[in-house]
Protein backbone atom coordinates (compact mmCIF):
# COMPACT_ATOMS: atom_id res chain seq x y z
CA MET A 1 -10.48 70.58 38.61
CA LEU A 2 -11.85 73.75 40.18
CA VAL A 3 -10.24 72.83 43.51
CA LYS A 4 -6.84 72.42 41.82
CA ARG A 5 -7.14 75.86 40.19
CA VAL A 6 -8.05 77.47 43.51
CA VAL A 7 -5.08 75.78 45.23
CA SER A 8 -2.73 76.86 42.41
CA ILE A 9 -3.90 80.47 42.62
CA PHE A 10 -3.55 80.44 46.42
CA LEU A 11 0.01 79.12 46.18
CA LEU A 12 0.95 81.74 43.60
CA LEU A 13 -0.46 84.51 45.75
CA PHE A 14 1.36 83.14 48.80
CA ILE A 15 4.70 82.97 46.96
CA PHE A 16 4.18 86.46 45.54
CA SER A 17 3.44 87.87 49.01
CA LEU A 18 6.64 86.35 50.36
CA ASP A 19 8.58 87.92 47.51
CA VAL A 20 7.06 91.34 48.10
CA ASN A 21 7.63 91.36 51.84
CA ALA A 22 11.11 89.85 51.84
CA LYS A 23 13.79 92.12 53.28
CA VAL A 24 17.00 92.87 51.44
CA LYS A 25 19.77 90.88 53.14
CA VAL A 26 22.87 92.96 53.86
CA THR A 27 26.16 91.74 55.27
CA THR A 28 29.04 94.06 56.12
CA THR A 29 32.49 93.31 57.45
CA ILE A 30 32.26 95.61 60.49
CA LYS A 31 29.54 97.12 62.69
CA PRO A 32 29.96 100.83 61.74
CA LEU A 33 29.23 99.99 58.09
CA ALA A 34 26.16 98.03 59.18
CA ASP A 35 24.96 100.89 61.40
CA ILE A 36 25.02 103.33 58.49
CA PHE A 37 23.15 100.84 56.28
CA ARG A 38 20.35 100.52 58.84
CA GLU A 39 19.85 104.28 58.68
CA ILE A 40 19.10 104.03 54.95
CA GLY A 41 17.22 100.73 54.75
CA LYS A 42 15.35 100.84 58.08
CA ASP A 43 12.78 98.01 58.24
CA LYS A 44 13.19 97.13 54.55
CA VAL A 45 16.60 95.55 55.15
CA SER A 46 18.06 92.83 57.33
CA VAL A 47 21.60 93.87 58.26
CA ASP A 48 24.37 91.83 59.84
CA TYR A 49 28.16 92.03 60.13
CA VAL A 50 30.82 89.34 60.37
CA ILE A 51 33.62 90.79 62.54
CA PRO A 52 32.78 91.38 66.23
CA PRO A 53 33.37 95.04 67.17
CA ASN A 54 35.43 94.13 70.25
CA ILE A 55 38.03 92.27 68.15
CA SER A 56 40.65 93.91 65.93
CA PHE A 57 39.34 93.43 62.41
CA HIS A 58 42.91 93.46 61.08
CA ILE A 59 43.64 90.01 62.51
CA TYR A 60 40.19 88.40 62.54
CA GLU A 61 39.80 84.86 61.17
CA TYR A 62 36.52 84.22 59.40
CA LYS A 63 34.27 81.39 60.57
CA ILE A 64 31.99 79.15 58.50
CA SER A 65 29.01 81.15 59.78
CA ASP A 66 30.64 84.35 58.49
CA ILE A 67 31.17 82.83 55.06
CA ASN A 68 27.52 81.76 54.93
CA LYS A 69 26.39 85.29 55.84
CA VAL A 70 28.41 86.70 52.95
CA LYS A 71 27.35 83.97 50.54
CA ASP A 72 23.62 84.47 51.22
CA ALA A 73 23.69 88.28 51.18
CA ASP A 74 21.90 90.38 48.58
CA ILE A 75 24.48 93.08 49.30
CA PHE A 76 27.98 92.63 50.73
CA VAL A 77 29.79 95.72 52.01
CA TYR A 78 33.47 96.02 52.88
CA ILE A 79 36.04 98.80 53.16
CA GLY A 80 38.77 97.25 51.02
CA SER A 81 41.61 97.99 53.42
CA GLY A 82 42.58 96.48 56.75
CA GLU A 83 40.14 93.56 56.57
CA PRO A 84 41.98 90.22 56.25
CA LYS A 85 41.61 88.41 52.91
CA VAL A 86 38.48 90.43 52.20
CA GLU A 87 38.74 90.34 48.40
CA ARG A 88 38.65 86.55 48.53
CA LEU A 89 35.65 86.75 50.85
CA ALA A 90 33.86 89.11 48.46
CA ARG A 91 34.09 86.56 45.64
CA ILE A 92 31.86 84.22 47.63
CA THR A 93 28.78 86.45 47.57
CA LYS A 94 26.11 86.07 44.92
CA GLY A 95 24.77 89.56 45.56
CA GLN A 96 25.79 93.14 44.90
CA ILE A 97 29.17 94.29 46.20
CA VAL A 98 29.84 97.70 47.73
CA LYS A 99 33.56 98.42 48.16
CA ILE A 100 33.81 101.60 50.21
CA GLY A 101 37.41 102.38 49.28
CA SER A 102 36.46 102.57 45.59
CA LEU A 103 33.74 105.16 46.27
CA ILE A 104 35.73 107.75 48.19
CA PRO A 105 37.77 110.22 46.07
CA GLU A 106 41.49 109.52 46.10
CA ASN A 107 42.36 112.90 47.61
CA LEU A 108 40.19 112.12 50.65
CA LEU A 109 41.80 108.77 51.44
CA ILE A 110 44.67 108.75 53.93
CA ARG A 111 47.51 106.57 52.71
CA THR A 112 50.39 107.90 54.81
CA PHE A 113 51.01 108.38 58.50
CA GLU A 114 49.80 111.96 59.01
CA ILE A 115 51.22 113.25 62.29
CA GLU A 116 52.06 116.81 63.28
CA GLU A 117 55.33 115.85 64.97
CA HIS A 118 57.30 114.82 61.88
CA ASN A 119 60.52 114.37 63.84
CA GLN A 120 59.37 110.99 65.15
CA HIS A 121 61.84 108.44 63.86
CA PHE A 122 59.63 105.51 63.01
CA ASP A 123 57.31 104.29 60.30
CA ILE A 124 53.83 102.96 60.78
CA GLU A 125 53.52 99.56 59.14
CA HIS A 126 50.23 98.89 57.39
CA SER A 127 50.73 95.28 56.34
CA ASN A 128 47.26 94.83 54.88
CA GLU A 129 46.15 98.45 54.45
CA ALA A 130 45.99 100.12 51.05
CA PHE A 131 44.73 103.21 52.89
CA HIS A 132 43.63 103.95 56.45
CA PRO A 133 40.30 102.12 56.86
CA ALA A 134 38.52 104.17 59.58
CA VAL A 135 36.66 106.33 57.04
CA TRP A 136 33.36 106.22 58.96
CA LEU A 137 34.84 108.52 61.62
CA ASP A 138 34.47 111.51 59.30
CA PRO A 139 30.71 112.23 58.95
CA ARG A 140 31.34 113.82 55.55
CA LEU A 141 32.73 110.51 54.27
CA ALA A 142 29.81 108.70 55.93
CA ILE A 143 27.54 110.64 53.55
CA ILE A 144 29.43 109.15 50.58
CA ILE A 145 28.97 105.70 52.09
CA ALA A 146 25.25 106.31 52.66
CA ASN A 147 24.84 107.52 49.07
CA SER A 148 26.26 104.25 47.74
CA TYR A 149 23.88 102.31 49.99
CA TYR A 150 20.91 104.29 48.68
CA LYS A 151 21.86 103.68 45.04
CA THR A 152 22.47 99.96 45.60
CA LEU A 153 19.15 99.50 47.39
CA VAL A 154 17.27 101.31 44.61
CA LYS A 155 18.89 99.02 42.06
CA LEU A 156 17.69 95.91 43.94
CA ASP A 157 14.40 97.26 45.25
CA PRO A 158 13.22 100.10 42.94
CA LYS A 159 9.64 100.09 44.24
CA ASN A 160 10.89 101.51 47.55
CA ARG A 161 13.02 104.23 45.96
CA ASP A 162 11.16 107.07 47.70
CA PHE A 163 11.47 105.35 51.08
CA TYR A 164 15.24 104.95 50.71
CA TYR A 165 15.69 108.47 49.38
CA LYS A 166 13.80 109.92 52.34
CA ASN A 167 16.04 108.02 54.77
CA TYR A 168 19.17 108.99 52.86
CA SER A 169 18.15 112.66 52.91
CA LYS A 170 17.61 112.49 56.67
CA PHE A 171 21.01 110.87 57.09
CA VAL A 172 22.70 113.64 55.11
CA LEU A 173 20.98 116.34 57.16
CA LYS A 174 21.87 114.69 60.48
CA SER A 175 25.49 114.15 59.37
CA VAL A 176 25.89 117.76 58.26
CA ASN A 177 24.37 119.04 61.49
CA LEU A 178 26.62 116.74 63.54
CA TYR A 179 29.69 117.93 61.68
CA ILE A 180 28.84 121.65 61.96
CA GLN A 181 27.92 121.38 65.65
CA TRP A 182 31.12 119.60 66.69
CA LYS A 183 33.44 121.47 64.32
CA ASP A 184 32.27 124.72 65.89
CA LYS A 185 32.92 123.38 69.40
CA PHE A 186 36.39 122.06 68.56
CA ASP A 187 37.31 125.29 66.73
CA LYS A 188 36.81 127.21 69.98
CA LEU A 189 39.22 125.05 71.97
CA ASN A 190 42.67 126.35 72.88
CA ASN A 191 44.08 122.84 73.24
CA LYS A 192 43.73 120.69 70.13
CA TYR A 193 46.63 118.29 70.76
CA PHE A 194 45.51 114.70 70.28
CA ILE A 195 47.41 111.57 71.41
CA SER A 196 45.91 108.08 71.03
CA TYR A 197 47.03 104.56 71.76
CA HIS A 198 46.53 103.36 68.18
CA TYR A 199 46.66 105.34 64.95
CA LEU A 200 42.91 105.05 64.52
CA TYR A 201 41.69 108.64 64.25
CA PRO A 202 43.35 110.47 61.34
CA TYR A 203 40.04 111.05 59.48
CA LEU A 204 38.35 112.32 62.63
CA THR A 205 41.17 114.66 63.66
CA LYS A 206 41.48 115.98 60.12
CA ALA A 207 37.73 116.59 59.87
CA PHE A 208 37.51 118.50 63.15
CA GLY A 209 40.79 120.39 62.99
CA LEU A 210 42.63 118.59 65.78
CA ASN A 211 46.42 118.21 65.95
CA TYR A 212 47.30 114.53 65.94
CA ILE A 213 50.72 114.66 67.56
CA ALA A 214 51.49 111.07 68.61
CA VAL A 215 50.41 107.44 68.94
CA ILE A 216 51.69 104.97 71.51
CA GLU A 217 51.69 101.70 69.58
CA LEU A 218 53.71 101.91 66.38
CA GLY A 219 51.58 99.54 64.34
CA HIS A 220 49.21 96.59 64.75
CA GLY A 221 50.70 94.60 67.62
CA ARG A 222 54.02 96.41 67.33
CA LYS A 223 55.30 97.34 70.79
CA PRO A 224 56.57 100.88 71.41
CA THR A 225 60.24 101.28 72.18
CA ILE A 226 61.53 102.92 75.36
CA LYS A 227 62.79 105.77 73.18
CA HIS A 228 59.28 106.26 71.80
CA ILE A 229 57.65 106.23 75.26
CA LEU A 230 60.17 108.85 76.39
CA HIS A 231 59.33 110.93 73.30
CA ILE A 232 55.61 110.85 74.16
CA SER A 233 56.38 111.70 77.80
CA GLU A 234 58.28 114.74 76.57
CA LEU A 235 55.34 115.76 74.38
CA ILE A 236 52.96 115.43 77.33
CA ARG A 237 55.07 117.80 79.39
CA LYS A 238 55.81 120.20 76.52
CA LYS A 239 52.20 120.46 75.28
CA LYS A 240 50.66 120.23 78.78
CA ILE A 241 48.58 117.21 77.78
CA LYS A 242 46.08 116.15 80.45
CA TYR A 243 44.31 113.28 78.67
CA ILE A 244 45.26 110.67 76.09
CA PHE A 245 42.80 108.45 74.28
CA ALA A 246 42.60 104.67 73.99
CA SER A 247 39.98 102.62 72.18
CA LEU A 248 37.99 100.09 74.17
CA TYR A 249 39.52 96.59 74.03
CA PHE A 250 42.53 97.67 71.94
CA PHE A 251 45.34 98.68 74.27
CA ASN A 252 48.09 97.33 76.50
CA PRO A 253 47.65 98.68 80.07
CA LYS A 254 51.39 98.37 80.71
CA TYR A 255 52.25 101.23 78.37
CA LEU A 256 49.37 103.37 79.56
CA ALA A 257 50.60 102.89 83.13
CA LEU A 258 54.02 104.25 82.15
CA LEU A 259 52.44 107.42 80.75
CA LYS A 260 50.11 107.87 83.72
CA LYS A 261 53.25 108.62 85.73
CA GLU A 262 53.39 111.90 83.78
CA GLY A 263 50.07 112.88 85.35
CA VAL A 264 47.87 112.21 82.33
CA LYS A 265 44.54 110.40 82.54
CA ILE A 266 43.10 107.96 80.01
CA ILE A 267 39.78 108.42 78.23
CA TYR A 268 38.47 105.24 76.63
CA LEU A 269 36.70 105.67 73.30
CA ASP A 270 34.26 103.44 71.40
CA PRO A 271 34.94 104.04 67.66
CA MET A 272 33.34 100.74 66.63
CA GLY A 273 30.05 101.53 68.38
CA VAL A 274 30.21 98.51 70.71
CA HIS A 275 27.93 100.26 73.19
CA SER A 276 25.94 102.39 70.74
CA LYS A 277 22.59 101.70 69.11
CA ASN A 278 23.31 103.52 65.85
CA TYR A 279 25.89 105.51 63.89
CA PHE A 280 24.94 108.91 65.29
CA GLU A 281 25.07 107.70 68.87
CA THR A 282 28.55 106.29 68.18
CA MET A 283 29.79 109.57 66.73
CA ASN A 284 28.22 111.84 69.35
CA ASN A 285 29.56 109.73 72.23
CA LEU A 286 32.99 109.61 70.62
CA LEU A 287 33.19 113.35 69.98
CA GLU A 288 31.77 114.22 73.39
CA ASN A 289 34.48 112.18 75.13
CA ILE A 290 37.24 113.68 72.99
CA TYR A 291 35.92 117.19 73.59
CA LYS A 292 35.85 116.63 77.37
CA GLY A 293 39.45 115.44 77.31
CA LEU A 294 40.72 118.40 75.29
CA LYS A 295 38.67 121.02 77.10
CA LYS A 296 40.00 120.22 80.57
């Protein structure tokens, strides 16, 4: 009888210790959202994402393994715009849901094609976008995202509230410093004209006071017309553009080759953090490359 009691107590203690030490499971749709979550949860969370960063998340098809990641998550995070069939995916999870688009104030979301050169005669088609999804590229909006992570973690794991708050506070400080540092550098530039292959950077250009004057591709997978290429060529000559920007993995070299004939060079950017260890490395590398291109 005594042996049975000892075994029972041992099992209870073992189960309790597993419960205490278990990490909060987090699944996000894309890597940048996961990178921000790691900054808040650190070693108290296990973070994964479902869409590879070197694939356009607009056209990604979920696998069974992705569905299982979402289903088993304690917290599922998605933007709510641009991700294919994401609302249906969100219904699978048994955990808490963080929908980024619902957290950001309406006046800060970009819902229209914001370009300086309004005389361009085309419309950008956002077939599955309620708003532009690349919100993480503005560090001020990243703070809003981090705040929601902190609150969600506290709700699930209140005993570690102080730990999460400390990490959140550090994230805010680093984000503010990053924004101030780079805003000051961009403000001092004479050339702020920004041309990219895809319309991926409206939050970034707006945050740092750059003039987004053109994009090459007119929508997801929508080829530019000859008229449009000629329009960009004219802008390059008129504005004395020396560099245009293309995101890693997401470009057609044929159209870039046509513009290279105007004497411009291409700088390849990594907005998804494919080659970065964390959110701040992604942002600093991105801004450094943009700054180099505009400064020259």
